N, C-alpha and C. Protein backbone atom coordinates (compact mmCIF):
# COMPACT_ATOMS: atom_id res chain seq x y z
N MET A 1 0.83 -1.20 0.00
CA MET A 1 0.00 0.00 0.00
C MET A 1 0.86 1.26 0.00
N LEU A 2 1.92 1.22 0.79
CA LEU A 2 2.81 2.38 0.87
C LEU A 2 3.48 2.66 -0.47
N PHE A 3 3.95 1.61 -1.13
CA PHE A 3 4.61 1.78 -2.43
C PHE A 3 3.66 2.39 -3.46
N VAL A 4 2.42 1.97 -3.44
CA VAL A 4 1.43 2.49 -4.39
C VAL A 4 1.17 3.98 -4.14
N LEU A 5 1.04 4.36 -2.87
CA LEU A 5 0.81 5.77 -2.54
C LEU A 5 2.01 6.64 -2.89
N VAL A 6 3.20 6.13 -2.66
CA VAL A 6 4.40 6.90 -2.99
C VAL A 6 4.52 7.06 -4.50
N ALA A 7 4.29 6.01 -5.25
CA ALA A 7 4.35 6.09 -6.71
C ALA A 7 3.29 7.06 -7.24
N PHE A 8 2.08 6.98 -6.69
CA PHE A 8 1.01 7.90 -7.09
C PHE A 8 1.38 9.34 -6.74
N HIS A 9 1.98 9.54 -5.57
CA HIS A 9 2.37 10.88 -5.13
C HIS A 9 3.43 11.48 -6.07
N ILE A 10 4.36 10.67 -6.52
CA ILE A 10 5.39 11.15 -7.44
C ILE A 10 4.77 11.54 -8.78
N MET A 11 3.85 10.72 -9.29
CA MET A 11 3.20 11.04 -10.56
C MET A 11 2.36 12.31 -10.46
N VAL A 12 1.63 12.47 -9.36
CA VAL A 12 0.81 13.67 -9.17
C VAL A 12 1.70 14.90 -9.02
N SER A 13 2.82 14.76 -8.33
CA SER A 13 3.75 15.88 -8.16
C SER A 13 4.31 16.34 -9.50
N ILE A 14 4.71 15.41 -10.33
CA ILE A 14 5.23 15.76 -11.66
C ILE A 14 4.14 16.43 -12.50
N GLY A 15 2.94 15.88 -12.46
CA GLY A 15 1.83 16.49 -13.19
C GLY A 15 1.52 17.89 -12.71
N LEU A 16 1.58 18.10 -11.41
CA LEU A 16 1.32 19.43 -10.85
C LEU A 16 2.39 20.42 -11.28
N ILE A 17 3.64 20.01 -11.30
CA ILE A 17 4.73 20.88 -11.75
C ILE A 17 4.52 21.26 -13.21
N VAL A 18 4.16 20.30 -14.03
CA VAL A 18 3.95 20.57 -15.46
C VAL A 18 2.79 21.55 -15.65
N LEU A 19 1.69 21.33 -14.94
CA LEU A 19 0.53 22.22 -15.08
C LEU A 19 0.86 23.63 -14.62
N ILE A 20 1.60 23.76 -13.54
CA ILE A 20 1.95 25.10 -13.05
C ILE A 20 2.86 25.81 -14.04
N LEU A 21 3.79 25.09 -14.63
CA LEU A 21 4.69 25.71 -15.60
C LEU A 21 3.98 26.09 -16.90
N MET A 22 2.87 25.44 -17.19
CA MET A 22 2.13 25.76 -18.42
C MET A 22 1.34 27.05 -18.30
N HIS A 23 1.11 27.52 -17.09
CA HIS A 23 0.36 28.77 -16.92
C HIS A 23 1.16 29.94 -17.46
N SER A 24 0.44 30.86 -18.09
CA SER A 24 1.10 32.07 -18.56
C SER A 24 0.99 33.14 -17.48
N GLY A 25 2.10 33.66 -17.12
CA GLY A 25 2.14 34.69 -16.09
C GLY A 25 2.37 36.05 -16.70
N ARG A 26 2.87 36.96 -15.91
CA ARG A 26 3.14 38.31 -16.42
C ARG A 26 4.23 38.30 -17.49
N GLU A 27 5.22 37.46 -17.29
CA GLU A 27 6.33 37.40 -18.22
C GLU A 27 6.11 36.39 -19.34
N GLY A 28 5.02 35.69 -19.31
CA GLY A 28 4.75 34.70 -20.34
C GLY A 28 5.10 33.30 -19.88
N GLY A 29 6.29 33.10 -19.32
CA GLY A 29 6.70 31.79 -18.83
C GLY A 29 6.62 30.74 -19.92
N LEU A 30 6.46 29.51 -19.55
CA LEU A 30 6.31 28.45 -20.54
C LEU A 30 4.95 28.52 -21.21
N GLY A 31 4.00 29.21 -20.57
CA GLY A 31 2.69 29.38 -21.18
C GLY A 31 2.76 30.26 -22.42
N GLY A 32 3.77 31.08 -22.52
CA GLY A 32 3.95 31.94 -23.67
C GLY A 32 4.50 31.22 -24.88
N LEU A 33 4.83 29.97 -24.74
CA LEU A 33 5.37 29.19 -25.85
C LEU A 33 4.30 28.62 -26.76
N GLY A 34 3.05 28.93 -26.47
CA GLY A 34 1.97 28.46 -27.33
C GLY A 34 1.11 27.41 -26.69
N PHE A 35 1.39 27.04 -25.45
CA PHE A 35 0.58 26.03 -24.78
C PHE A 35 -0.79 26.57 -24.39
N THR A 36 -0.85 27.82 -23.97
CA THR A 36 -2.11 28.39 -23.49
C THR A 36 -2.37 29.71 -24.22
N PRO A 37 -3.12 29.66 -25.30
CA PRO A 37 -3.39 30.90 -26.04
C PRO A 37 -4.34 31.81 -25.27
N THR A 38 -4.14 33.10 -25.43
CA THR A 38 -5.04 34.07 -24.79
C THR A 38 -5.74 34.87 -25.87
N SER A 39 -6.94 35.30 -25.59
CA SER A 39 -7.70 36.10 -26.53
C SER A 39 -7.58 37.56 -26.16
N HIS A 40 -8.12 38.44 -26.99
CA HIS A 40 -8.05 39.87 -26.72
C HIS A 40 -8.98 40.28 -25.59
N GLY A 41 -9.99 39.49 -25.32
CA GLY A 41 -10.97 39.83 -24.30
C GLY A 41 -10.60 39.37 -22.91
N GLY A 42 -9.43 38.84 -22.71
CA GLY A 42 -9.04 38.37 -21.38
C GLY A 42 -8.59 36.93 -21.42
N THR A 43 -8.88 36.22 -20.36
CA THR A 43 -8.43 34.84 -20.23
C THR A 43 -9.19 33.94 -21.20
N HIS A 44 -8.47 33.14 -21.90
CA HIS A 44 -9.05 32.21 -22.86
C HIS A 44 -9.58 30.98 -22.12
N ILE A 45 -10.46 30.25 -22.75
CA ILE A 45 -11.07 29.08 -22.12
C ILE A 45 -10.03 28.02 -21.79
N VAL A 46 -8.96 27.94 -22.58
CA VAL A 46 -7.91 26.97 -22.30
C VAL A 46 -7.23 27.31 -20.98
N GLU A 47 -6.97 28.57 -20.74
CA GLU A 47 -6.35 29.01 -19.49
C GLU A 47 -7.25 28.72 -18.29
N ARG A 48 -8.55 28.92 -18.46
CA ARG A 48 -9.48 28.62 -17.36
C ARG A 48 -9.53 27.13 -17.06
N MET A 49 -9.54 26.31 -18.10
CA MET A 49 -9.54 24.86 -17.88
C MET A 49 -8.23 24.40 -17.26
N LEU A 50 -7.13 25.01 -17.67
CA LEU A 50 -5.83 24.70 -17.09
C LEU A 50 -5.81 25.04 -15.60
N THR A 51 -6.43 26.14 -15.24
CA THR A 51 -6.53 26.53 -13.83
C THR A 51 -7.36 25.52 -13.05
N ARG A 52 -8.46 25.08 -13.62
CA ARG A 52 -9.31 24.09 -12.94
C ARG A 52 -8.58 22.78 -12.75
N TYR A 53 -7.85 22.33 -13.76
CA TYR A 53 -7.09 21.09 -13.64
C TYR A 53 -5.99 21.22 -12.60
N THR A 54 -5.35 22.38 -12.55
CA THR A 54 -4.29 22.61 -11.57
C THR A 54 -4.85 22.57 -10.16
N ILE A 55 -5.98 23.21 -9.93
CA ILE A 55 -6.59 23.20 -8.60
C ILE A 55 -7.01 21.79 -8.21
N ALA A 56 -7.61 21.06 -9.13
CA ALA A 56 -8.04 19.69 -8.83
C ALA A 56 -6.83 18.80 -8.50
N LEU A 57 -5.77 18.93 -9.27
CA LEU A 57 -4.58 18.13 -9.01
C LEU A 57 -3.91 18.54 -7.70
N ALA A 58 -3.97 19.83 -7.36
CA ALA A 58 -3.41 20.28 -6.08
C ALA A 58 -4.18 19.70 -4.91
N VAL A 59 -5.50 19.60 -5.04
CA VAL A 59 -6.31 19.00 -3.98
C VAL A 59 -5.98 17.51 -3.84
N ILE A 60 -5.84 16.83 -4.98
CA ILE A 60 -5.47 15.41 -4.95
C ILE A 60 -4.10 15.24 -4.30
N TRP A 61 -3.15 16.13 -4.64
CA TRP A 61 -1.81 16.07 -4.06
C TRP A 61 -1.87 16.26 -2.55
N PHE A 62 -2.69 17.20 -2.09
CA PHE A 62 -2.82 17.47 -0.66
C PHE A 62 -3.40 16.26 0.08
N VAL A 63 -4.45 15.68 -0.48
CA VAL A 63 -5.07 14.51 0.15
C VAL A 63 -4.09 13.34 0.19
N ASP A 64 -3.34 13.16 -0.89
CA ASP A 64 -2.36 12.09 -0.92
C ASP A 64 -1.24 12.33 0.09
N THR A 65 -0.83 13.58 0.27
CA THR A 65 0.18 13.91 1.27
C THR A 65 -0.30 13.59 2.67
N VAL A 66 -1.55 13.93 2.97
CA VAL A 66 -2.11 13.63 4.28
C VAL A 66 -2.21 12.12 4.49
N ALA A 67 -2.61 11.40 3.44
CA ALA A 67 -2.71 9.94 3.54
C ALA A 67 -1.34 9.31 3.80
N LEU A 68 -0.31 9.81 3.12
CA LEU A 68 1.03 9.30 3.35
C LEU A 68 1.49 9.61 4.77
N PHE A 69 1.19 10.80 5.25
CA PHE A 69 1.57 11.18 6.62
C PHE A 69 0.89 10.26 7.63
N ARG A 70 -0.39 10.01 7.44
CA ARG A 70 -1.14 9.13 8.36
C ARG A 70 -0.60 7.69 8.31
N LEU A 71 -0.23 7.25 7.11
CA LEU A 71 0.26 5.89 6.95
C LEU A 71 1.64 5.71 7.59
N LEU A 72 2.46 6.73 7.52
CA LEU A 72 3.80 6.66 8.09
C LEU A 72 3.85 6.98 9.58
N LYS A 73 2.79 7.50 10.11
CA LYS A 73 2.76 7.90 11.52
C LYS A 73 2.69 6.74 12.45
């Protein structure tokens, strides 16, 4: 059980890092490379969906971290 949670935690962590780097910030970041197009009217739907996926993955990461802490305690 511990090995499965650790492997899942590593995969979620990598996914969270990738999603955060895909966001376009003030300077453009990796999001400026064409991953997240923006429209003239503000945030594009792709950016909003990317934000939703990032929040969902962050919640999963948090729950997995708490589960690992409880299991190792």
